[in-house]
Structure formats: structure tokens, C-alpha cells
Protein backbone atom coordinates (compact mmCIF):
# COMPACT_ATOMS: atom_id res chain seq x y z
CA UNK A 1 41.83 -43.59 -17.06
CA UNK A 2 43.39 -41.81 -14.11
CA UNK A 3 43.36 -38.48 -12.38
CA UNK A 4 45.59 -35.78 -13.87
CA UNK A 5 49.03 -35.98 -12.30
CA UNK A 6 48.34 -39.34 -10.62
CA UNK A 7 50.29 -42.26 -12.03
CA UNK A 8 48.44 -45.56 -12.28
CA UNK A 9 50.82 -48.51 -12.21
CA UNK A 10 48.39 -51.22 -13.18
CA UNK A 11 46.96 -54.25 -11.45
CA UNK A 12 49.87 -56.67 -11.90
CA UNK A 13 52.41 -54.16 -10.57
CA UNK A 14 50.18 -53.35 -7.59
CA UNK A 15 49.66 -57.02 -6.82
CA UNK A 16 53.42 -57.54 -7.16
CA UNK A 17 53.87 -54.87 -4.49
CA UNK A 18 51.51 -56.78 -2.17
CA UNK A 19 53.43 -59.97 -2.91
CA UNK A 20 56.73 -58.31 -2.02
CA UNK A 21 55.23 -56.96 1.23
CA UNK A 22 53.99 -60.47 2.08
CA UNK A 23 57.39 -62.04 1.38
CA UNK A 24 56.20 -63.94 -1.70
CA UNK A 25 58.43 -64.93 -4.58
CA UNK A 26 58.36 -62.33 -7.37
CA UNK A 27 57.24 -64.60 -10.23
CA UNK A 28 53.56 -65.54 -10.09
CA UNK A 29 51.94 -68.54 -11.72
CA UNK A 30 48.74 -68.22 -13.72
CA UNK A 31 46.13 -70.95 -14.19
CA UNK A 32 42.84 -71.06 -16.06
CA UNK A 33 39.96 -71.46 -13.61
CA UNK A 34 37.38 -71.54 -16.39
CA UNK A 35 37.08 -70.47 -20.00
CA UNK A 36 36.63 -66.84 -18.83
CA UNK A 37 38.72 -66.72 -15.64
CA UNK A 38 42.45 -66.74 -14.90
CA UNK A 39 43.88 -67.00 -11.38
CA UNK A 40 47.34 -65.54 -10.73
CA UNK A 41 49.03 -66.63 -7.51
CA UNK A 42 52.32 -65.50 -6.02
CA UNK A 43 54.03 -68.51 -4.35
CA UNK A 44 56.16 -68.75 -1.23
CA UNK A 45 54.45 -66.03 0.82
CA UNK A 46 55.14 -65.58 4.52
CA UNK A 47 53.15 -67.82 6.86
CA UNK A 48 49.53 -66.76 7.10
CA UNK A 49 49.60 -64.66 3.91
CA UNK A 50 48.83 -65.17 0.24
CA UNK A 51 48.37 -63.00 -2.82
CA UNK A 52 45.87 -63.99 -5.51
CA UNK A 53 44.37 -62.20 -8.49
CA UNK A 54 41.38 -63.33 -10.52
CA UNK A 55 41.16 -61.86 -14.02
CA UNK A 56 37.92 -62.08 -16.01
CA UNK A 57 38.38 -62.11 -19.78
CA UNK A 58 36.12 -59.45 -21.32
CA UNK A 59 35.04 -58.51 -17.80
CA UNK A 60 33.94 -55.05 -16.83
CA UNK A 61 33.02 -53.46 -13.54
CA UNK A 62 30.66 -56.22 -12.46
CA UNK A 63 30.65 -58.64 -9.53
CA UNK A 64 31.56 -62.20 -10.59
CA UNK A 65 28.78 -64.58 -9.64
CA UNK A 66 26.13 -61.84 -9.34
CA UNK A 67 22.86 -62.00 -11.18
CA UNK A 68 23.83 -61.28 -14.81
CA UNK A 69 20.47 -59.57 -15.35
CA UNK A 70 21.40 -56.87 -12.82
CA UNK A 71 24.05 -55.35 -15.10
CA UNK A 72 24.10 -54.43 -18.77
CA UNK A 73 27.75 -55.60 -18.86
CA UNK A 74 29.07 -59.15 -19.00
CA UNK A 75 29.04 -60.87 -15.59
CA UNK A 76 30.82 -64.23 -15.35
CA UNK A 77 29.22 -67.08 -13.46
CA UNK A 78 32.39 -69.20 -13.45
CA UNK A 79 33.45 -67.89 -10.05
CA UNK A 80 31.58 -66.35 -7.13
CA UNK A 81 33.51 -63.34 -5.85
CA UNK A 82 31.61 -63.26 -2.56
CA UNK A 83 32.38 -66.90 -1.75
CA UNK A 84 36.04 -66.48 -2.76
CA UNK A 85 36.46 -63.40 -0.55
CA UNK A 86 34.76 -65.00 2.45
CA UNK A 87 36.98 -68.06 2.11
CA UNK A 88 40.12 -65.91 1.74
CA UNK A 89 39.33 -63.83 4.83
CA UNK A 90 38.43 -66.94 6.86
CA UNK A 91 41.87 -68.38 6.06
CA UNK A 92 43.76 -65.13 6.69
CA UNK A 93 42.10 -63.61 9.74
CA UNK A 94 44.04 -61.88 12.46
CA UNK A 95 43.86 -63.40 15.90
């Protein structure tokens, strides 16, 4: 769903734009992280940058790793979004 007159390109195209801006190669690799989670990574990014996407099969608008009882929708426990984000930002901070 999108706003009238506003084109939505989709997640993979948007992430591809980030990869291009970060000097990554255009063809990502995708690996299974668990039975419910896929990680897509764009290789060869400029020093100090990386582009990663985690996709949750049958996921909705929930926070991976959160208490599954706090949402009526499926919430995977195979990854912890908070821990992944903190680790990413620790590795890619600006001096």
C-alpha cells in the first residue's frame, strides 16, 4: 500500500540504492540465518560501510526478538533486531 501518486519501489530496490551509494557490488548474496530468516548482504562496499537486509518469512510489522506475547502477529525469535542494530552501529560509527 502506498500514498496516492507516490511510487513505492520496494525493499530490494531501496537497499540496492544504499548499496550503490556505499560503493558495494550490485549483486547481493542471500543466506539462511534460520528456518524463518534470510540475510541479504551486498559485498565489496567502501571501507567502513556495509549493507545488510534481514527478511522474516511470514513476518509482519513486529520486532524480531521481542516478546511474542506482545503482538497478535508472528514475531520470530531466531534473531534479535535490537542486538543486530547495536552491533551494526558499533561497527559503523562516525568518528
